[in-house]
């Protein structure tokens, strides 16, 4: 049975579930991922009351097949209200529409607009474009040395 679980500050995952989601994203994001500690921070932020966000998990019975982390920015209008931080589908389940189902659920459940960052060579870029995401800006960053 396939389902999508939605976690937020009112419906928290257990510690075991949260660890499984973190490990899943760390493993399945492959070259597009971040250090595990950063993933843990994004999930913890999404589960806070304010500004918070959402964590969505696709399940096929007991098997975690996909996950999304969406953080609220605390802004609106000039900066989208939400940023999609992570989305991943289990490598053995790719091409079955799980990513699309997760994205559609995230779009439905999020309050306000959504921004995301995607590498130009990431195959998920095609999905985002099909769902209506556009490339409005070139992102630039200054990384300050501490």
Protein backbone atom coordinates (compact mmCIF):
# COMPACT_ATOMS: atom_id res chain seq x y z
CA UNK A 1 0.00 0.00 0.00
CA UNK A 2 1.45 3.37 -1.05
CA UNK A 3 0.89 6.42 1.13
CA UNK A 4 2.29 9.83 1.97
CA UNK A 5 2.79 10.80 5.61
CA UNK A 6 2.91 14.49 6.51
CA UNK A 7 4.84 15.66 9.56
CA UNK A 8 4.87 19.14 11.11
CA UNK A 9 4.95 20.69 14.55
CA UNK A 10 1.50 19.21 15.31
CA UNK A 11 2.30 15.74 13.98
CA UNK A 12 5.88 14.89 14.86
CA UNK A 13 7.72 11.79 13.70
CA UNK A 14 9.18 9.52 16.34
CA UNK A 15 12.93 9.83 16.93
CA UNK A 16 13.39 6.58 14.99
CA UNK A 17 11.33 7.89 12.05
CA UNK A 18 13.22 11.18 12.07
CA UNK A 19 16.55 9.33 12.02
CA UNK A 20 15.31 7.13 9.16
CA UNK A 21 14.26 10.19 7.14
CA UNK A 22 17.63 11.84 7.73
CA UNK A 23 19.55 8.72 6.73
CA UNK A 24 17.29 8.19 3.70
CA UNK A 25 17.92 11.73 2.41
CA UNK A 26 21.64 11.50 3.12
CA UNK A 27 21.88 8.26 1.13
CA UNK A 28 19.41 8.87 -1.70
CA UNK A 29 20.36 12.47 -2.55
CA UNK A 30 23.71 11.11 -3.73
CA UNK A 31 25.85 13.83 -5.38
CA UNK A 32 23.10 16.44 -4.86
CA UNK A 33 23.08 16.00 -1.08
CA UNK A 34 24.52 17.71 1.95
CA UNK A 35 26.26 16.54 5.11
CA UNK A 36 23.99 14.57 7.43
CA UNK A 37 24.16 17.29 10.09
CA UNK A 38 22.72 19.85 7.63
CA UNK A 39 19.87 17.50 6.75
CA UNK A 40 19.13 17.01 10.45
CA UNK A 41 18.99 20.80 10.94
CA UNK A 42 16.59 21.28 8.01
CA UNK A 43 14.26 18.59 9.34
CA UNK A 44 14.38 20.01 12.89
CA UNK A 45 13.56 23.47 11.50
CA UNK A 46 10.59 22.11 9.52
CA UNK A 47 9.19 20.50 12.68
CA UNK A 48 9.35 23.69 14.76
CA UNK A 49 6.18 25.65 15.50
CA UNK A 50 7.44 28.93 14.06
CA UNK A 51 8.18 29.39 11.27
CA UNK A 52 8.44 25.61 10.74
CA UNK A 53 7.46 23.77 7.60
CA UNK A 54 6.62 20.26 6.46
CA UNK A 55 8.30 16.89 6.12
CA UNK A 56 6.58 14.52 3.69
CA UNK A 57 7.43 10.84 3.45
CA UNK A 58 6.28 8.40 0.77
CA UNK A 59 5.85 4.84 1.94
CA UNK A 60 5.30 1.55 0.16
CA UNK A 61 4.19 -0.53 3.12
CA UNK A 62 7.13 -0.38 5.53
CA UNK A 63 9.57 0.88 2.86
CA UNK A 64 10.44 4.58 2.78
CA UNK A 65 10.42 5.43 -0.93
CA UNK A 66 10.65 9.21 -0.95
CA UNK A 67 10.96 12.29 1.25
CA UNK A 68 10.58 16.06 1.08
CA UNK A 69 11.69 18.76 3.52
CA UNK A 70 9.99 22.13 3.09
CA UNK A 71 11.00 25.04 5.34
CA UNK A 72 8.91 28.18 5.82
CA UNK A 73 11.01 31.31 5.33
CA UNK A 74 9.01 33.65 7.54
CA UNK A 75 8.77 36.02 4.57
CA UNK A 76 6.15 36.68 1.94
CA UNK A 77 5.76 38.42 -1.39
CA UNK A 78 9.30 39.50 -2.21
CA UNK A 79 10.76 36.23 -0.93
CA UNK A 80 8.67 33.04 -1.27
CA UNK A 81 7.03 31.82 1.92
CA UNK A 82 8.59 28.36 1.55
CA UNK A 83 11.80 26.82 0.32
CA UNK A 84 11.94 23.21 -0.76
CA UNK A 85 15.17 22.15 0.89
CA UNK A 86 15.29 18.43 0.02
CA UNK A 87 13.45 15.95 -2.14
CA UNK A 88 14.64 12.43 -2.89
CA UNK A 89 13.22 9.19 -4.20
CA UNK A 90 14.68 5.80 -3.36
CA UNK A 91 16.93 4.74 -6.25
CA UNK A 92 15.01 1.46 -6.67
CA UNK A 93 11.68 3.34 -7.00
CA UNK A 94 12.63 6.16 -9.36
CA UNK A 95 10.52 6.71 -12.46
CA UNK A 96 7.29 5.60 -10.75
CA UNK A 97 5.85 9.08 -10.06
CA UNK A 98 6.78 9.19 -6.38
CA UNK A 99 8.67 12.48 -6.73
CA UNK A 100 5.76 14.03 -8.61
CA UNK A 101 3.26 12.83 -5.98
CA UNK A 102 5.45 14.27 -3.21
CA UNK A 103 5.82 17.59 -5.04
CA UNK A 104 2.08 17.87 -5.71
CA UNK A 105 1.33 17.15 -2.05
CA UNK A 106 3.95 19.69 -0.91
CA UNK A 107 2.48 22.32 -3.26
CA UNK A 108 -1.04 21.58 -1.98
CA UNK A 109 -0.11 21.64 1.73
CA UNK A 110 2.31 24.59 1.71
CA UNK A 111 0.90 27.99 2.51
CA UNK A 112 2.22 30.44 -0.06
CA UNK A 113 4.81 30.29 -2.81
CA UNK A 114 7.70 27.83 -2.98
CA UNK A 115 11.29 28.35 -4.07
CA UNK A 116 13.89 25.67 -4.62
CA UNK A 117 17.48 25.36 -5.76
CA UNK A 118 18.43 22.78 -8.35
CA UNK A 119 21.68 22.00 -10.08
CA UNK A 120 21.45 22.50 -13.87
CA UNK A 121 22.32 18.84 -14.52
CA UNK A 122 19.91 17.40 -11.92
CA UNK A 123 17.30 15.21 -13.69
CA UNK A 124 14.66 16.48 -11.21
CA UNK A 125 14.84 19.87 -12.93
CA UNK A 126 12.49 18.53 -15.64
CA UNK A 127 9.88 17.59 -13.01
CA UNK A 128 10.03 21.03 -11.42
CA UNK A 129 9.54 22.72 -14.80
CA UNK A 130 6.56 20.45 -15.62
CA UNK A 131 4.99 21.47 -12.30
CA UNK A 132 5.32 25.17 -13.14
CA UNK A 133 8.57 26.18 -11.46
CA UNK A 134 10.54 28.76 -13.43
CA UNK A 135 14.09 30.06 -13.23
CA UNK A 136 13.65 33.72 -12.38
CA UNK A 137 17.08 34.48 -10.94
CA UNK A 138 20.69 33.47 -11.08
CA UNK A 139 21.66 32.63 -7.52
CA UNK A 140 24.89 34.11 -6.20
CA UNK A 141 26.38 33.44 -2.76
CA UNK A 142 29.09 34.93 -0.64
CA UNK A 143 30.56 32.33 1.69
CA UNK A 144 32.08 34.14 4.65
CA UNK A 145 35.02 32.50 6.37
CA UNK A 146 34.55 32.44 10.12
